[in-house]
PDB file of N, CA and C in Angstrom:
ATOM      1  N   MET A   1      34.183 -33.189  52.492  1.00  0.00           N
ATOM      2  CA  MET A   1      35.172 -32.135  52.566  1.00  0.00           C
ATOM      3  C   MET A   1      34.479 -30.811  52.881  1.00  0.00           C
ATOM      4  N   SER A   2      35.260 -29.891  53.411  1.00  0.00           N
ATOM      5  CA  SER A   2      34.719 -28.580  53.750  1.00  0.00           C
ATOM      6  C   SER A   2      35.786 -27.518  53.488  1.00  0.00           C
ATOM      7  N   LYS A   3      35.379 -26.265  53.605  1.00  0.00           N
ATOM      8  CA  LYS A   3      36.299 -25.145  53.388  1.00  0.00           C
ATOM      9  C   LYS A   3      36.904 -24.637  54.689  1.00  0.00           C
ATOM     10  N   ALA A   4      36.417 -25.149  55.811  1.00  0.00           N
ATOM     11  CA  ALA A   4      36.947 -24.777  57.127  1.00  0.00           C
ATOM     12  C   ALA A   4      36.827 -25.990  58.034  1.00  0.00           C
ATOM     13  N   ARG A   5      37.689 -26.026  59.052  1.00  0.00           N
ATOM     14  CA  ARG A   5      37.586 -27.114  60.023  1.00  0.00           C
ATOM     15  C   ARG A   5      38.136 -26.665  61.371  1.00  0.00           C
ATOM     16  N   VAL A   6      37.689 -27.354  62.401  1.00  0.00           N
ATOM     17  CA  VAL A   6      38.126 -27.089  63.766  1.00  0.00           C
ATOM     18  C   VAL A   6      39.555 -27.593  63.929  1.00  0.00           C
ATOM     19  N   LYS A   7      40.380 -26.791  64.576  1.00  0.00           N
ATOM     20  CA  LYS A   7      41.727 -27.216  64.979  1.00  0.00           C
ATOM     21  C   LYS A   7      41.771 -27.253  66.499  1.00  0.00           C
ATOM     22  N   ARG A   8      42.408 -28.278  67.042  1.00  0.00           N
ATOM     23  CA  ARG A   8      42.526 -28.450  68.488  1.00  0.00           C
ATOM     24  C   ARG A   8      43.995 -28.499  68.878  1.00  0.00           C
ATOM     25  N   ASP A   9      44.277 -28.179  70.145  1.00  0.00           N
ATOM     26  CA  ASP A   9      45.644 -28.289  70.649  1.00  0.00           C
ATOM     27  C   ASP A   9      45.954 -29.756  70.956  1.00  0.00           C
ATOM     28  N   ASP A  10      47.141 -30.022  71.446  1.00  0.00           N
ATOM     29  CA  ASP A  10      47.561 -31.407  71.710  1.00  0.00           C
ATOM     30  C   ASP A  10      46.730 -32.094  72.785  1.00  0.00           C
ATOM     31  N   ASP A  11      46.018 -31.312  73.587  1.00  0.00           N
ATOM     32  CA  ASP A  11      45.162 -31.883  74.631  1.00  0.00           C
ATOM     33  C   ASP A  11      43.709 -31.981  74.194  1.00  0.00           C
ATOM     34  N   GLY A  12      43.432 -31.689  72.924  1.00  0.00           N
ATOM     35  CA  GLY A  12      42.087 -31.823  72.389  1.00  0.00           C
ATOM     36  C   GLY A  12      41.176 -30.625  72.615  1.00  0.00           C
ATOM     37  N   ARG A  13      41.723 -29.520  73.125  1.00  0.00           N
ATOM     38  CA  ARG A  13      40.907 -28.328  73.363  1.00  0.00           C
ATOM     39  C   ARG A  13      40.869 -27.470  72.096  1.00  0.00           C
ATOM     40  N   PHE A  14      39.758 -26.766  71.909  1.00  0.00           N
ATOM     41  CA  PHE A  14      39.559 -25.945  70.721  1.00  0.00           C
ATOM     42  C   PHE A  14      40.638 -24.869  70.616  1.00  0.00           C
ATOM     43  N   TYR A  15      41.261 -24.757  69.432  1.00  0.00           N
ATOM     44  CA  TYR A  15      42.332 -23.798  69.200  1.00  0.00           C
ATOM     45  C   TYR A  15      41.941 -22.724  68.180  1.00  0.00           C
ATOM     46  N   GLY A  16      41.153 -23.077  67.177  1.00  0.00           N
ATOM     47  CA  GLY A  16      40.753 -22.121  66.154  1.00  0.00           C
ATOM     48  C   GLY A  16      40.103 -22.811  64.979  1.00  0.00           C
ATOM     49  N   ILE A  17      39.763 -22.019  63.963  1.00  0.00           N
ATOM     50  CA  ILE A  17      39.183 -22.539  62.732  1.00  0.00           C
ATOM     51  C   ILE A  17      40.230 -22.416  61.637  1.00  0.00           C
ATOM     52  N   GLU A  18      40.500 -23.523  60.956  1.00  0.00           N
ATOM     53  CA  GLU A  18      41.496 -23.543  59.883  1.00  0.00           C
ATOM     54  C   GLU A  18      40.826 -23.351  58.529  1.00  0.00           C
ATOM     55  N   ILE A  19      41.449 -22.515  57.714  1.00  0.00           N
ATOM     56  CA  ILE A  19      41.100 -22.388  56.306  1.00  0.00           C
ATOM     57  C   ILE A  19      42.382 -22.531  55.505  1.00  0.00           C
ATOM     58  N   ARG A  20      42.251 -22.704  54.210  1.00  0.00           N
ATOM     59  CA  ARG A  20      43.407 -22.719  53.315  1.00  0.00           C
ATOM     60  C   ARG A  20      43.360 -21.455  52.466  1.00  0.00           C
ATOM     61  N   CYS A  21      44.502 -20.781  52.366  1.00  0.00           N
ATOM     62  CA  CYS A  21      44.574 -19.513  51.644  1.00  0.00           C
ATOM     63  C   CYS A  21      45.195 -19.735  50.265  1.00  0.00           C
ATOM     64  N   PRO A  22      44.424 -19.515  49.199  1.00  0.00           N
ATOM     65  CA  PRO A  22      44.968 -19.706  47.849  1.00  0.00           C
ATOM     66  C   PRO A  22      45.913 -18.590  47.408  1.00  0.00           C
ATOM     67  N   GLY A  23      46.043 -17.531  48.202  1.00  0.00           N
ATOM     68  CA  GLY A  23      46.985 -16.460  47.885  1.00  0.00           C
ATOM     69  C   GLY A  23      48.352 -16.696  48.492  1.00  0.00           C
ATOM     70  N   CYS A  24      48.377 -17.301  49.661  1.00  0.00           N
ATOM     71  CA  CYS A  24      49.628 -17.607  50.365  1.00  0.00           C
ATOM     72  C   CYS A  24      49.959 -19.067  50.087  1.00  0.00           C
ATOM     73  N   LEU A  25      50.956 -19.284  49.286  1.00  0.00           N
ATOM     74  CA  LEU A  25      51.259 -20.643  48.840  1.00  0.00           C
ATOM     75  C   LEU A  25      52.524 -21.187  49.494  1.00  0.00           C
ATOM     76  N   TYR A  26      52.482 -22.487  49.805  1.00  0.00           N
ATOM     77  CA  TYR A  26      53.689 -23.179  50.248  1.00  0.00           C
ATOM     78  C   TYR A  26      54.611 -23.346  49.047  1.00  0.00           C
ATOM     79  N   SER A  27      55.853 -23.749  49.273  1.00  0.00           N
ATOM     80  CA  SER A  27      56.833 -23.882  48.189  1.00  0.00           C
ATOM     81  C   SER A  27      56.403 -24.901  47.137  1.00  0.00           C
ATOM     82  N   ASP A  28      55.533 -25.850  47.503  1.00  0.00           N
ATOM     83  CA  ASP A  28      55.050 -26.823  46.522  1.00  0.00           C
ATOM     84  C   ASP A  28      53.832 -26.311  45.750  1.00  0.00           C
ATOM     85  N   GLY A  29      53.399 -25.070  46.018  1.00  0.00           N
ATOM     86  CA  GLY A  29      52.274 -24.471  45.308  1.00  0.00           C
ATOM     87  C   GLY A  29      50.916 -24.709  45.954  1.00  0.00           C
ATOM     88  N   SER A  30      50.870 -25.442  47.056  1.00  0.00           N
ATOM     89  CA  SER A  30      49.591 -25.699  47.719  1.00  0.00           C
ATOM     90  C   SER A  30      49.206 -24.530  48.628  1.00  0.00           C
ATOM     91  N   PRO A  31      47.888 -24.312  48.828  1.00  0.00           N
ATOM     92  CA  PRO A  31      47.435 -23.204  49.677  1.00  0.00           C
ATOM     93  C   PRO A  31      47.894 -23.378  51.124  1.00  0.00           C
ATOM     94  N   SER A  32      48.361 -22.293  51.717  1.00  0.00           N
ATOM     95  CA  SER A  32      48.832 -22.353  53.104  1.00  0.00           C
ATOM     96  C   SER A  32      47.658 -22.386  54.070  1.00  0.00           C
ATOM     97  N   ARG A  33      47.941 -22.764  55.297  1.00  0.00           N
ATOM     98  CA  ARG A  33      46.942 -22.827  56.354  1.00  0.00           C
ATOM     99  C   ARG A  33      46.914 -21.506  57.119  1.00  0.00           C
ATOM    100  N   HIS A  34      45.724 -21.025  57.372  1.00  0.00           N
ATOM    101  CA  HIS A  34      45.529 -19.927  58.309  1.00  0.00           C
ATOM    102  C   HIS A  34      44.613 -20.485  59.404  1.00  0.00           C
ATOM    103  N   ILE A  35      45.021 -20.346  60.645  1.00  0.00           N
ATOM    104  CA  ILE A  35      44.183 -20.764  61.766  1.00  0.00           C
ATOM    105  C   ILE A  35      43.692 -19.505  62.452  1.00  0.00           C
ATOM    106  N   ILE A  36      42.375 -19.354  62.492  1.00  0.00           N
ATOM    107  CA  ILE A  36      41.753 -18.125  62.961  1.00  0.00           C
ATOM    108  C   ILE A  36      41.146 -18.355  64.344  1.00  0.00           C
ATOM    109  N   PRO A  37      41.638 -17.640  65.363  1.00  0.00           N
ATOM    110  CA  PRO A  37      41.034 -17.766  66.693  1.00  0.00           C
ATOM    111  C   PRO A  37      39.703 -17.015  66.710  1.00  0.00           C
ATOM    112  N   ILE A  38      38.680 -17.667  67.202  1.00  0.00           N
ATOM    113  CA  ILE A  38      37.361 -17.033  67.202  1.00  0.00           C
ATOM    114  C   ILE A  38      36.908 -16.734  68.623  1.00  0.00           C
ATOM    115  N   ALA A  39      35.952 -15.827  68.733  1.00  0.00           N
ATOM    116  CA  ALA A  39      35.532 -15.287  70.028  1.00  0.00           C
ATOM    117  C   ALA A  39      34.753 -16.293  70.880  1.00  0.00           C
ATOM    118  N   GLU A  40      33.989 -17.169  70.258  1.00  0.00           N
ATOM    119  CA  GLU A  40      33.162 -18.110  71.008  1.00  0.00           C
ATOM    120  C   GLU A  40      33.422 -19.524  70.534  1.00  0.00           C
ATOM    121  N   LEU A  41      33.269 -20.472  71.430  1.00  0.00           N
ATOM    122  CA  LEU A  41      33.429 -21.876  71.057  1.00  0.00           C
ATOM    123  C   LEU A  41      32.381 -22.264  70.025  1.00  0.00           C
ATOM    124  N   PRO A  42      32.781 -22.975  68.967  1.00  0.00           N
ATOM    125  CA  PRO A  42      31.790 -23.452  68.011  1.00  0.00           C
ATOM    126  C   PRO A  42      30.980 -24.615  68.605  1.00  0.00           C
ATOM    127  N   ALA A  43      29.865 -24.910  67.987  1.00  0.00           N
ATOM    128  CA  ALA A  43      29.001 -26.006  68.441  1.00  0.00           C
ATOM    129  C   ALA A  43      29.805 -27.290  68.571  1.00  0.00           C
ATOM    130  N   GLY A  44      29.603 -27.999  69.651  1.00  0.00           N
ATOM    131  CA  GLY A  44      30.263 -29.280  69.878  1.00  0.00           C
ATOM    132  C   GLY A  44      31.601 -29.188  70.584  1.00  0.00           C
ATOM    133  N   GLU A  45      32.119 -27.996  70.785  1.00  0.00           N
ATOM    134  CA  GLU A  45      33.406 -27.834  71.465  1.00  0.00           C
ATOM    135  C   GLU A  45      33.157 -27.454  72.920  1.00  0.00           C
ATOM    136  N   ALA A  46      33.946 -28.038  73.828  1.00  0.00           N
ATOM    137  CA  ALA A  46      33.701 -27.854  75.258  1.00  0.00           C
ATOM    138  C   ALA A  46      34.649 -26.875  75.937  1.00  0.00           C
ATOM    139  N   GLU A  47      35.873 -26.738  75.415  1.00  0.00           N
ATOM    140  CA  GLU A  47      36.862 -25.937  76.136  1.00  0.00           C
ATOM    141  C   GLU A  47      37.803 -25.220  75.177  1.00  0.00           C
ATOM    142  N   MET A  48      38.082 -23.951  75.475  1.00  0.00           N
ATOM    143  CA  MET A  48      39.010 -23.137  74.692  1.00  0.00           C
ATOM    144  C   MET A  48      40.440 -23.457  75.142  1.00  0.00           C
ATOM    145  N   SER A  49      41.350 -23.580  74.200  1.00  0.00           N
ATOM    146  CA  SER A  49      42.749 -23.833  74.517  1.00  0.00           C
ATOM    147  C   SER A  49      43.380 -22.622  75.203  1.00  0.00           C
ATOM    148  N   PRO A  50      44.186 -22.856  76.242  1.00  0.00           N
ATOM    149  CA  PRO A  50      44.919 -21.745  76.859  1.00  0.00           C
ATOM    150  C   PRO A  50      46.145 -21.344  76.041  1.00  0.00           C
ATOM    151  N   HIS A  51      46.421 -22.059  74.955  1.00  0.00           N
ATOM    152  CA  HIS A  51      47.621 -21.822  74.156  1.00  0.00           C
ATOM    153  C   HIS A  51      47.417 -20.833  73.019  1.00  0.00           C
ATOM    154  N   ILE A  52      46.219 -20.264  72.888  1.00  0.00           N
ATOM    155  CA  ILE A  52      45.974 -19.287  71.834  1.00  0.00           C
ATOM    156  C   ILE A  52      46.680 -17.989  72.213  1.00  0.00           C
ATOM    157  N   GLY A  53      47.643 -17.589  71.402  1.00  0.00           N
ATOM    158  CA  GLY A  53      48.431 -16.407  71.713  1.00  0.00           C
ATOM    159  C   GLY A  53      47.781 -15.094  71.316  1.00  0.00           C
ATOM    160  N   TRP A  54      46.802 -15.130  70.441  1.00  0.00           N
ATOM    161  CA  TRP A  54      46.167 -13.911  69.944  1.00  0.00           C
ATOM    162  C   TRP A  54      45.269 -13.301  71.006  1.00  0.00           C
ATOM    163  N   LYS A  55      45.328 -12.009  71.161  1.00  0.00           N
ATOM    164  CA  LYS A  55      44.386 -11.314  72.033  1.00  0.00           C
ATOM    165  C   LYS A  55      43.097 -11.028  71.274  1.00  0.00           C
ATOM    166  N   ASP A  56      43.232 -10.693  69.984  1.00  0.00           N
ATOM    167  CA  ASP A  56      42.065 -10.418  69.161  1.00  0.00           C
ATOM    168  C   ASP A  56      41.407 -11.735  68.774  1.00  0.00           C
ATOM    169  N   ARG A  57      40.098 -11.716  68.682  1.00  0.00           N
ATOM    170  CA  ARG A  57      39.350 -12.900  68.251  1.00  0.00           C
ATOM    171  C   ARG A  57      38.332 -12.468  67.212  1.00  0.00           C
ATOM    172  N   TRP A  58      38.084 -13.329  66.244  1.00  0.00           N
ATOM    173  CA  TRP A  58      37.161 -13.048  65.159  1.00  0.00           C
ATOM    174  C   TRP A  58      35.795 -13.663  65.450  1.00  0.00           C
ATOM    175  N   THR A  59      34.766 -13.100  64.839  1.00  0.00           N
ATOM    176  CA  THR A  59      33.469 -13.755  64.877  1.00  0.00           C
ATOM    177  C   THR A  59      33.432 -14.755  63.725  1.00  0.00           C
ATOM    178  N   PHE A  60      32.632 -15.792  63.880  1.00  0.00           N
ATOM    179  CA  PHE A  60      32.534 -16.875  62.898  1.00  0.00           C
ATOM    180  C   PHE A  60      31.075 -17.280  62.802  1.00  0.00           C
ATOM    181  N   ASN A  61      30.591 -17.490  61.593  1.00  0.00           N
ATOM    182  CA  ASN A  61      29.183 -17.845  61.400  1.00  0.00           C
ATOM    183  C   ASN A  61      28.862 -19.309  61.691  1.00  0.00           C
ATOM    184  N   GLY A  62      29.863 -20.142  61.977  1.00  0.00           N
ATOM    185  CA  GLY A  62      29.637 -21.542  62.323  1.00  0.00           C
ATOM    186  C   GLY A  62      29.467 -22.473  61.141  1.00  0.00           C
ATOM    187  N   ASP A  63      29.554 -21.977  59.922  1.00  0.00           N
ATOM    188  CA  ASP A  63      29.329 -22.772  58.713  1.00  0.00           C
ATOM    189  C   ASP A  63      30.674 -23.193  58.113  1.00  0.00           C
ATOM    190  N   MET A  64      30.974 -24.491  58.168  1.00  0.00           N
ATOM    191  CA  MET A  64      32.254 -24.990  57.657  1.00  0.00           C
ATOM    192  C   MET A  64      32.283 -25.051  56.130  1.00  0.00           C
ATOM    193  N   GLN A  65      31.112 -25.057  55.474  1.00  0.00           N
ATOM    194  CA  GLN A  65      31.047 -25.072  54.013  1.00  0.00           C
ATOM    195  C   GLN A  65      31.096 -23.671  53.413  1.00  0.00           C
ATOM    196  N   ARG A  66      30.508 -22.697  54.120  1.00  0.00           N
ATOM    197  CA  ARG A  66      30.462 -21.311  53.641  1.00  0.00           C
ATOM    198  C   ARG A  66      30.861 -20.381  54.786  1.00  0.00           C
ATOM    199  N   PRO A  67      32.119 -20.505  55.257  1.00  0.00           N
ATOM    200  CA  PRO A  67      32.525 -19.727  56.434  1.00  0.00           C
ATOM    201  C   PRO A  67      32.566 -18.222  56.174  1.00  0.00           C
ATOM    202  N   THR A  68      32.212 -17.488  57.236  1.00  0.00           N
ATOM    203  CA  THR A  68      32.334 -16.031  57.254  1.00  0.00           C
ATOM    204  C   THR A  68      33.016 -15.648  58.558  1.00  0.00           C
ATOM    205  N   PHE A  69      34.033 -14.803  58.465  1.00  0.00           N
ATOM    206  CA  PHE A  69      34.749 -14.302  59.633  1.00  0.00           C
ATOM    207  C   PHE A  69      34.708 -12.783  59.597  1.00  0.00           C
ATOM    208  N   SER A  70      34.730 -12.181  60.760  1.00  0.00           N
ATOM    209  CA  SER A  70      34.772 -10.725  60.840  1.00  0.00           C
ATOM    210  C   SER A  70      35.611 -10.343  62.051  1.00  0.00           C
ATOM    211  N   PRO A  71      36.435  -9.316  61.958  1.00  0.00           N
ATOM    212  CA  PRO A  71      36.668  -8.422  60.827  1.00  0.00           C
ATOM    213  C   PRO A  71      37.587  -9.073  59.795  1.00  0.00           C
ATOM    214  N   SER A  72      38.271  -8.263  59.000  1.00  0.00           N
ATOM    215  CA  SER A  72      39.189  -8.784  57.987  1.00  0.00           C
ATOM    216  C   SER A  72      40.336  -9.541  58.651  1.00  0.00           C
ATOM    217  N   LEU A  73      40.962 -10.396  57.871  1.00  0.00           N
ATOM    218  CA  LEU A  73      42.147 -11.141  58.306  1.00  0.00           C
ATOM    219  C   LEU A  73      43.348 -10.479  57.640  1.00  0.00           C
ATOM    220  N   ASN A  74      44.315 -10.061  58.455  1.00  0.00           N
ATOM    221  CA  ASN A  74      45.481  -9.352  57.945  1.00  0.00           C
ATOM    222  C   ASN A  74      46.728 -10.021  58.503  1.00  0.00           C
ATOM    223  N   THR A  75      47.420 -10.797  57.679  1.00  0.00           N
ATOM    224  CA  THR A  75      48.639 -11.477  58.114  1.00  0.00           C
ATOM    225  C   THR A  75      49.821 -10.917  57.326  1.00  0.00           C
ATOM    226  N   TRP A  76      50.979 -10.895  57.955  1.00  0.00           N
ATOM    227  CA  TRP A  76      52.178 -10.433  57.270  1.00  0.00           C
ATOM    228  C   TRP A  76      53.395 -11.090  57.897  1.00  0.00           C
ATOM    229  N   TRP A  77      54.465 -11.120  57.142  1.00  0.00           N
ATOM    230  CA  TRP A  77      55.723 -11.692  57.620  1.00  0.00           C
ATOM    231  C   TRP A  77      56.870 -11.091  56.826  1.00  0.00           C
ATOM    232  N   GLY A  78      58.035 -11.155  57.430  1.00  0.00           N
ATOM    233  CA  GLY A  78      59.230 -10.607  56.798  1.00  0.00           C
ATOM    234  C   GLY A  78      59.252  -9.086  56.854  1.00  0.00           C
ATOM    235  N   GLY A  79      60.186  -8.500  56.165  1.00  0.00           N
ATOM    236  CA  GLY A  79      60.299  -7.048  56.108  1.00  0.00           C
ATOM    237  C   GLY A  79      61.080  -6.485  57.273  1.00  0.00           C
ATOM    238  N   LYS A  80      61.049  -5.140  57.397  1.00  0.00           N
ATOM    239  CA  LYS A  80      61.739  -4.484  58.499  1.00  0.00           C
ATOM    240  C   LYS A  80      61.144  -3.107  58.724  1.00  0.00           C
ATOM    241  N   ASP A  81      61.430  -2.540  59.873  1.00  0.00           N
ATOM    242  CA  ASP A  81      60.970  -1.203  60.253  1.00  0.00           C
ATOM    243  C   ASP A  81      59.452  -1.050  60.133  1.00  0.00           C
ATOM    244  N   GLY A  82      58.735  -2.133  60.466  1.00  0.00           N
ATOM    245  CA  GLY A  82      57.278  -2.076  60.446  1.00  0.00           C
ATOM    246  C   GLY A  82      56.652  -2.197  59.063  1.00  0.00           C
ATOM    247  N   ILE A  83      57.463  -2.390  58.037  1.00  0.00           N
ATOM    248  CA  ILE A  83      56.939  -2.547  56.678  1.00  0.00           C
ATOM    249  C   ILE A  83      57.063  -4.023  56.292  1.00  0.00           C
ATOM    250  N   PRO A  84      55.914  -4.701  56.106  1.00  0.00           N
ATOM    251  CA  PRO A  84      55.981  -6.132  55.812  1.00  0.00           C
ATOM    252  C   PRO A  84      56.504  -6.426  54.412  1.00  0.00           C
ATOM    253  N   LEU A  85      57.241  -7.502  54.291  1.00  0.00           N
ATOM    254  CA  LEU A  85      57.691  -7.963  52.990  1.00  0.00           C
ATOM    255  C   LEU A  85      56.541  -8.668  52.266  1.00  0.00           C
ATOM    256  N   HIS A  86      55.782  -9.468  53.009  1.00  0.00           N
ATOM    257  CA  HIS A  86      54.630 -10.191  52.461  1.00  0.00           C
ATOM    258  C   HIS A  86      53.410  -9.871  53.314  1.00  0.00           C
ATOM    259  N   ARG A  87      52.297  -9.609  52.659  1.00  0.00           N
ATOM    260  CA  ARG A  87      51.048  -9.327  53.371  1.00  0.00           C
ATOM    261  C   ARG A  87      49.902 -10.044  52.660  1.00  0.00           C
ATOM    262  N   CYS A  88      48.989 -10.577  53.467  1.00  0.00           N
ATOM    263  CA  CYS A  88      47.750 -11.149  52.965  1.00  0.00           C
ATOM    264  C   CYS A  88      46.622 -10.519  53.777  1.00  0.00           C
ATOM    265  N   HIS A  89      45.814  -9.698  53.123  1.00  0.00           N
ATOM    266  CA  HIS A  89      44.736  -8.982  53.796  1.00  0.00           C
ATOM    267  C   HIS A  89      43.447  -9.320  53.057  1.00  0.00           C
ATOM    268  N   SER A  90      42.461  -9.855  53.792  1.00  0.00           N
ATOM    269  CA  SER A  90      41.262 -10.341  53.112  1.00  0.00           C
ATOM    270  C   SER A  90      40.027 -10.268  54.001  1.00  0.00           C
ATOM    271  N   PHE A  91      38.880 -10.301  53.321  1.00  0.00           N
ATOM    272  CA  PHE A  91      37.602 -10.560  53.964  1.00  0.00           C
ATOM    273  C   PHE A  91      37.192 -11.957  53.550  1.00  0.00           C
ATOM    274  N   ILE A  92      36.706 -12.736  54.506  1.00  0.00           N
ATOM    275  CA  ILE A  92      36.236 -14.090  54.216  1.00  0.00           C
ATOM    276  C   ILE A  92      34.744 -14.097  54.494  1.00  0.00           C
ATOM    277  N   ARG A  93      33.962 -14.268  53.408  1.00  0.00           N
ATOM    278  CA  ARG A  93      32.506 -14.193  53.503  1.00  0.00           C
ATOM    279  C   ARG A  93      31.869 -15.277  52.649  1.00  0.00           C
ATOM    280  N   GLU A  94      30.967 -16.027  53.275  1.00  0.00           N
ATOM    281  CA  GLU A  94      30.160 -17.025  52.554  1.00  0.00           C
ATOM    282  C   GLU A  94      31.009 -17.990  51.718  1.00  0.00           C
ATOM    283  N   GLY A  95      32.171 -18.394  52.259  1.00  0.00           N
ATOM    284  CA  GLY A  95      33.019 -19.369  51.577  1.00  0.00           C
ATOM    285  C   GLY A  95      33.904 -18.803  50.482  1.00  0.00           C
ATOM    286  N   ARG A  96      33.935 -17.487  50.384  1.00  0.00           N
ATOM    287  CA  ARG A  96      34.777 -16.820  49.386  1.00  0.00           C
ATOM    288  C   ARG A  96      35.766 -15.913  50.119  1.00  0.00           C
ATOM    289  N   ILE A  97      36.923 -15.718  49.512  1.00  0.00           N
ATOM    290  CA  ILE A  97      37.936 -14.872  50.115  1.00  0.00           C
ATOM    291  C   ILE A  97      38.218 -13.701  49.167  1.00  0.00           C
ATOM    292  N   GLU A  98      38.005 -12.507  49.688  1.00  0.00           N
ATOM    293  CA  GLU A  98      38.210 -11.275  48.928  1.00  0.00           C
ATOM    294  C   GLU A  98      39.547 -10.677  49.362  1.00  0.00           C
ATOM    295  N   PHE A  99      40.540 -10.767  48.485  1.00  0.00           N
ATOM    296  CA  PHE A  99      41.863 -10.244  48.799  1.00  0.00           C
ATOM    297  C   PHE A  99      41.885  -8.747  48.546  1.00  0.00           C
ATOM    298  N   LEU A 100      42.283  -8.000  49.539  1.00  0.00           N
ATOM    299  CA  LEU A 100      42.334  -6.547  49.415  1.00  0.00           C
ATOM    300  C   LEU A 100      43.577  -6.132  48.619  1.00  0.00           C
ATOM    301  N   PRO A 101      43.550  -4.948  48.031  1.00  0.00           N
ATOM    302  CA  PRO A 101      44.653  -4.508  47.163  1.00  0.00           C
ATOM    303  C   PRO A 101      46.004  -4.374  47.860  1.00  0.00           C
ATOM    304  N   ASP A 102      46.022  -4.270  49.209  1.00  0.00           N
ATOM    305  CA  ASP A 102      47.315  -4.167  49.889  1.00  0.00           C
ATOM    306  C   ASP A 102      47.981  -5.525  50.107  1.00  0.00           C
ATOM    307  N   SER A 103      47.345  -6.605  49.667  1.00  0.00           N
ATOM    308  CA  SER A 103      47.999  -7.922  49.689  1.00  0.00           C
ATOM    309  C   SER A 103      49.155  -7.894  48.691  1.00  0.00           C
ATOM    310  N   THR A 104      50.203  -8.633  48.998  1.00  0.00           N
ATOM    311  CA  THR A 104      51.387  -8.597  48.136  1.00  0.00           C
ATOM    312  C   THR A 104      51.518  -9.820  47.235  1.00  0.00           C
ATOM    313  N   HIS A 105      50.506 -10.683  47.200  1.00  0.00           N
ATOM    314  CA  HIS A 105      50.585 -11.873  46.352  1.00  0.00           C
ATOM    315  C   HIS A 105      49.775 -11.699  45.070  1.00  0.00           C
ATOM    316  N   ALA A 106      49.806 -12.698  44.215  1.00  0.00           N
ATOM    317  CA  ALA A 106      49.210 -12.610  42.876  1.00  0.00           C
ATOM    318  C   ALA A 106      47.687 -12.448  42.883  1.00  0.00           C
ATOM    319  N   LEU A 107      47.007 -12.766  43.979  1.00  0.00           N
ATOM    320  CA  LEU A 107      45.545 -12.666  44.017  1.00  0.00           C
ATOM    321  C   LEU A 107      45.051 -11.341  44.608  1.00  0.00           C
ATOM    322  N   ALA A 108      45.939 -10.394  44.874  1.00  0.00           N
ATOM    323  CA  ALA A 108      45.539  -9.087  45.413  1.00  0.00           C
ATOM    324  C   ALA A 108      44.464  -8.467  44.527  1.00  0.00           C
ATOM    325  N   GLY A 109      43.390  -7.978  45.168  1.00  0.00           N
ATOM    326  CA  GLY A 109      42.305  -7.337  44.439  1.00  0.00           C
ATOM    327  C   GLY A 109      41.286  -8.291  43.837  1.00  0.00           C
ATOM    328  N   GLN A 110      41.447  -9.600  44.035  1.00  0.00           N
ATOM    329  CA  GLN A 110      40.529 -10.593  43.471  1.00  0.00           C
ATOM    330  C   GLN A 110      39.707 -11.256  44.566  1.00  0.00           C
ATOM    331  N   THR A 111      38.569 -11.821  44.176  1.00  0.00           N
ATOM    332  CA  THR A 111      37.729 -12.621  45.067  1.00  0.00           C
ATOM    333  C   THR A 111      37.617 -14.014  44.470  1.00  0.00           C
ATOM    334  N   VAL A 112      37.933 -15.036  45.278  1.00  0.00           N
ATOM    335  CA  VAL A 112      37.910 -16.423  44.809  1.00  0.00           C
ATOM    336  C   VAL A 112      37.272 -17.309  45.878  1.00  0.00           C
ATOM    337  N   GLU A 113      36.873 -18.499  45.478  1.00  0.00           N
ATOM    338  CA  GLU A 113      36.353 -19.489  46.421  1.00  0.00           C
ATOM    339  C   GLU A 113      37.488 -19.971  47.323  1.00  0.00           C
ATOM    340  N   LEU A 114      37.175 -20.179  48.600  1.00  0.00           N
ATOM    341  CA  LEU A 114      38.140 -20.850  49.473  1.00  0.00           C
ATOM    342  C   LEU A 114      38.315 -22.283  48.983  1.00  0.00           C
ATOM    343  N   PRO A 115      39.527 -22.800  48.990  1.00  0.00           N
ATOM    344  CA  PRO A 115      39.712 -24.203  48.584  1.00  0.00           C
ATOM    345  C   PRO A 115      39.178 -25.160  49.642  1.00  0.00           C
ATOM    346  N   GLU A 116      38.781 -26.332  49.195  1.00  0.00           N
ATOM    347  CA  GLU A 116      38.366 -27.393  50.100  1.00  0.00           C
ATOM    348  C   GLU A 116      39.593 -27.891  50.861  1.00  0.00           C
ATOM    349  N   ILE A 117      39.378 -28.295  52.101  1.00  0.00           N
ATOM    350  CA  ILE A 117      40.447 -28.923  52.891  1.00  0.00           C
ATOM    351  C   ILE A 117      40.334 -30.412  52.648  1.00  0.00           C
ATOM    352  N   THR A 118      41.369 -30.994  52.058  1.00  0.00           N
ATOM    353  CA  THR A 118      41.298 -32.386  51.630  1.00  0.00           C
ATOM    354  C   THR A 118      42.010 -33.366  52.543  1.00  0.00           C
ATOM    355  N   GLU A 119      42.769 -32.890  53.481  1.00  0.00           N
ATOM    356  CA  GLU A 119      43.519 -33.800  54.359  1.00  0.00           C
ATOM    357  C   GLU A 119      43.160 -33.591  55.802  1.00  0.00           C
TER     358      GLU A 119
END
């Protein structure tokens, strides 16, 4: 098991690196998936997917056990007039996720280990 893994599109091309976020939970209480598009293909990948919608790309240290991404990851959903209802803002370094205080979930302001991806 690892804390990060490669995600590919339906044609097998590299799409991003998946992590599980212990702050953003699905309705069953399990950590949600965040797929992070990175600037360069990781080792062993041959082609970048044309389906990545993000213009911004993160750097990645290549370590699936102790992943580090830069810059911060800032996701939000819901709300109106540019004010998000839910926000998850974090730094992911050396396999740990540091939730910034502007996150709106219960782990705001805390640093915890990224969960292992079990499936």
